[in-house]
Amino acid sequence: EKTNLCQFLVVCMLLWSSQIQGNRCDDSGIQALMACGYSIAKELSSPPKPLDGCCTAVRIIGMKCVCEIINKEIESAIDMQKLVNVASACGRPLAPHSQCGSYLVPGVA
């Protein structure tokens, strides 16, 4: 339990430190990623469904903004497939073959 909390806090610190001040989308995208931290962190097992605060942030901010701010540093801390799953679970699915950071969203099977 303490290990999970520490890992989550490390992810949040990485996200916050990678933020570029002044651009509204950067600020909003970081807020959405932080709200979804428990669902997208590489080191944590995903909850069965994203928390309400996560989905609220994704719906308000939008995945376009979230994907724009994702860089290599953020990608090293989050599981991009979990992010794709969260977007879909929150009603904001990413289009197949679209780009989110450097991640190419898989096509539909």
C-alpha atoms as a PDB file:
ATOM      1  CA  GLU A   1       0.000   0.000   0.000  1.00  0.00           C
ATOM      2  CA  LYS A   2       2.754   2.472   0.953  1.00  0.00           C
ATOM      3  CA  THR A   3       4.784   1.393  -2.075  1.00  0.00           C
ATOM      4  CA  ASN A   4       1.828   2.081  -4.385  1.00  0.00           C
ATOM      5  CA  LEU A   5       1.326   5.521  -2.868  1.00  0.00           C
ATOM      6  CA  CYS A   6       5.026   6.344  -3.244  1.00  0.00           C
ATOM      7  CA  GLN A   7       5.022   5.196  -6.872  1.00  0.00           C
ATOM      8  CA  PHE A   8       1.941   7.290  -7.565  1.00  0.00           C
ATOM      9  CA  LEU A   9       3.559  10.349  -5.983  1.00  0.00           C
ATOM     10  CA  VAL A  10       6.707   9.850  -8.075  1.00  0.00           C
ATOM     11  CA  VAL A  11       4.575   9.751 -11.232  1.00  0.00           C
ATOM     12  CA  CYS A  12       2.826  12.958 -10.151  1.00  0.00           C
ATOM     13  CA  MET A  13       6.154  14.685  -9.484  1.00  0.00           C
ATOM     14  CA  LEU A  14       7.483  13.629 -12.896  1.00  0.00           C
ATOM     15  CA  LEU A  15       4.358  14.943 -14.572  1.00  0.00           C
ATOM     16  CA  TRP A  16       4.476  18.212 -12.684  1.00  0.00           C
ATOM     17  CA  SER A  17       8.202  18.759 -13.301  1.00  0.00           C
ATOM     18  CA  SER A  18       7.791  18.200 -17.038  1.00  0.00           C
ATOM     19  CA  GLN A  19       5.191  20.939 -17.277  1.00  0.00           C
ATOM     20  CA  ILE A  20       5.985  24.019 -19.350  1.00  0.00           C
ATOM     21  CA  GLN A  21       4.581  27.105 -17.646  1.00  0.00           C
ATOM     22  CA  GLY A  22       2.305  29.500 -19.479  1.00  0.00           C
ATOM     23  CA  ASN A  23       0.501  27.251 -21.955  1.00  0.00           C
ATOM     24  CA  ARG A  24      -3.052  26.500 -20.823  1.00  0.00           C
ATOM     25  CA  CYS A  25      -3.135  23.142 -22.592  1.00  0.00           C
ATOM     26  CA  ASP A  26       0.074  22.110 -20.814  1.00  0.00           C
ATOM     27  CA  ASP A  27      -1.440  22.953 -17.440  1.00  0.00           C
ATOM     28  CA  SER A  28      -4.739  21.231 -18.223  1.00  0.00           C
ATOM     29  CA  GLY A  29      -3.110  18.161 -19.742  1.00  0.00           C
ATOM     30  CA  ILE A  30      -0.928  17.705 -16.673  1.00  0.00           C
ATOM     31  CA  GLN A  31      -3.993  18.038 -14.429  1.00  0.00           C
ATOM     32  CA  ALA A  32      -5.797  15.307 -16.379  1.00  0.00           C
ATOM     33  CA  LEU A  33      -2.796  12.974 -16.212  1.00  0.00           C
ATOM     34  CA  MET A  34      -2.431  13.570 -12.478  1.00  0.00           C
ATOM     35  CA  ALA A  35      -6.148  12.913 -11.909  1.00  0.00           C
ATOM     36  CA  CYS A  36      -5.706   9.583 -13.717  1.00  0.00           C
ATOM     37  CA  GLY A  37      -2.391   8.651 -12.096  1.00  0.00           C
ATOM     38  CA  TYR A  38      -3.674   5.510 -10.375  1.00  0.00           C
ATOM     39  CA  SER A  39      -5.071   4.253 -13.675  1.00  0.00           C
ATOM     40  CA  ILE A  40      -2.106   4.949 -15.965  1.00  0.00           C
ATOM     41  CA  ALA A  41       1.079   4.574 -13.906  1.00  0.00           C
ATOM     42  CA  LYS A  42       3.386   1.847 -15.243  1.00  0.00           C
ATOM     43  CA  GLU A  43       4.232   0.469 -11.812  1.00  0.00           C
ATOM     44  CA  LEU A  44       0.669   0.221 -10.504  1.00  0.00           C
ATOM     45  CA  SER A  45      -1.977  -2.307 -11.391  1.00  0.00           C
ATOM     46  CA  SER A  46      -4.941  -0.632 -13.016  1.00  0.00           C
ATOM     47  CA  PRO A  47      -8.202  -0.297 -11.098  1.00  0.00           C
ATOM     48  CA  PRO A  48     -11.185  -1.996 -12.787  1.00  0.00           C
ATOM     49  CA  LYS A  49     -12.410   1.389 -14.021  1.00  0.00           C
ATOM     50  CA  PRO A  50     -10.982   4.915 -13.825  1.00  0.00           C
ATOM     51  CA  LEU A  51     -11.913   7.011 -10.818  1.00  0.00           C
ATOM     52  CA  ASP A  52     -14.663   9.605 -11.315  1.00  0.00           C
ATOM     53  CA  GLY A  53     -12.211  12.506 -10.989  1.00  0.00           C
ATOM     54  CA  CYS A  54     -10.088  11.015 -13.739  1.00  0.00           C
ATOM     55  CA  CYS A  55     -12.982  10.746 -16.184  1.00  0.00           C
ATOM     56  CA  THR A  56     -14.220  14.215 -15.294  1.00  0.00           C
ATOM     57  CA  ALA A  57     -10.786  15.655 -16.096  1.00  0.00           C
ATOM     58  CA  VAL A  58     -10.549  13.686 -19.357  1.00  0.00           C
ATOM     59  CA  ARG A  59     -14.006  14.853 -20.459  1.00  0.00           C
ATOM     60  CA  ILE A  60     -13.425  18.509 -19.601  1.00  0.00           C
ATOM     61  CA  ILE A  61      -9.846  18.814 -20.839  1.00  0.00           C
ATOM     62  CA  GLY A  62     -10.017  16.403 -23.762  1.00  0.00           C
ATOM     63  CA  MET A  63      -7.543  13.834 -24.971  1.00  0.00           C
ATOM     64  CA  LYS A  64      -6.165  16.094 -27.715  1.00  0.00           C
ATOM     65  CA  CYS A  65      -4.711  18.365 -25.048  1.00  0.00           C
ATOM     66  CA  VAL A  66      -3.480  15.411 -22.980  1.00  0.00           C
ATOM     67  CA  CYS A  67      -1.743  13.835 -25.974  1.00  0.00           C
ATOM     68  CA  GLU A  68      -0.110  17.145 -26.958  1.00  0.00           C
ATOM     69  CA  ILE A  69       1.788  17.428 -23.673  1.00  0.00           C
ATOM     70  CA  ILE A  70       3.070  13.849 -23.509  1.00  0.00           C
ATOM     71  CA  ASN A  71       6.829  13.728 -23.966  1.00  0.00           C
ATOM     72  CA  LYS A  72       9.434  10.988 -23.478  1.00  0.00           C
ATOM     73  CA  GLU A  73       9.759  11.769 -19.762  1.00  0.00           C
ATOM     74  CA  ILE A  74       6.024  11.367 -19.209  1.00  0.00           C
ATOM     75  CA  GLU A  75       5.936   8.255 -21.412  1.00  0.00           C
ATOM     76  CA  SER A  76       8.600   6.694 -19.194  1.00  0.00           C
ATOM     77  CA  ALA A  77       6.281   7.038 -16.174  1.00  0.00           C
ATOM     78  CA  ILE A  78       2.916   6.066 -17.643  1.00  0.00           C
ATOM     79  CA  ASP A  79       1.615   3.058 -19.534  1.00  0.00           C
ATOM     80  CA  MET A  80       0.358   4.417 -22.848  1.00  0.00           C
ATOM     81  CA  GLN A  81      -1.981   1.471 -23.452  1.00  0.00           C
ATOM     82  CA  LYS A  82      -3.542   2.125 -20.028  1.00  0.00           C
ATOM     83  CA  LEU A  83      -4.025   5.762 -21.108  1.00  0.00           C
ATOM     84  CA  VAL A  84      -5.762   4.598 -24.303  1.00  0.00           C
ATOM     85  CA  ASN A  85      -7.992   2.322 -22.196  1.00  0.00           C
ATOM     86  CA  VAL A  86      -8.794   5.157 -19.762  1.00  0.00           C
ATOM     87  CA  ALA A  87      -9.723   7.491 -22.628  1.00  0.00           C
ATOM     88  CA  SER A  88     -12.119   4.876 -23.980  1.00  0.00           C
ATOM     89  CA  ALA A  89     -13.592   4.045 -20.552  1.00  0.00           C
ATOM     90  CA  CYS A  90     -14.194   7.760 -19.951  1.00  0.00           C
ATOM     91  CA  GLY A  91     -16.055   8.187 -23.237  1.00  0.00           C
ATOM     92  CA  ARG A  92     -13.234   9.970 -25.083  1.00  0.00           C
ATOM     93  CA  PRO A  93     -11.645   7.170 -27.141  1.00  0.00           C
ATOM     94  CA  LEU A  94      -8.568   7.909 -29.207  1.00  0.00           C
ATOM     95  CA  ALA A  95      -8.933   7.232 -32.929  1.00  0.00           C
ATOM     96  CA  PRO A  96      -7.166   4.098 -34.194  1.00  0.00           C
ATOM     97  CA  HIS A  97      -3.769   4.921 -35.727  1.00  0.00           C
ATOM     98  CA  SER A  98      -3.746   8.384 -34.118  1.00  0.00           C
ATOM     99  CA  GLN A  99      -0.688   9.716 -32.320  1.00  0.00           C
ATOM    100  CA  CYS A 100      -0.556  10.371 -28.570  1.00  0.00           C
ATOM    101  CA  GLY A 101       2.906  11.590 -27.626  1.00  0.00           C
ATOM    102  CA  SER A 102       5.138   9.269 -29.632  1.00  0.00           C
ATOM    103  CA  TYR A 103       2.684   6.391 -29.130  1.00  0.00           C
ATOM    104  CA  LEU A 104       0.689   5.184 -32.133  1.00  0.00           C
ATOM    105  CA  VAL A 105      -2.778   4.095 -31.033  1.00  0.00           C
ATOM    106  CA  PRO A 106      -3.377   0.510 -32.232  1.00  0.00           C
ATOM    107  CA  GLY A 107      -5.915  -0.132 -34.978  1.00  0.00           C
ATOM    108  CA  VAL A 108      -9.160  -1.960 -34.367  1.00  0.00           C
ATOM    109  CA  ALA A 109      -8.794  -5.732 -34.725  1.00  0.00           C
END
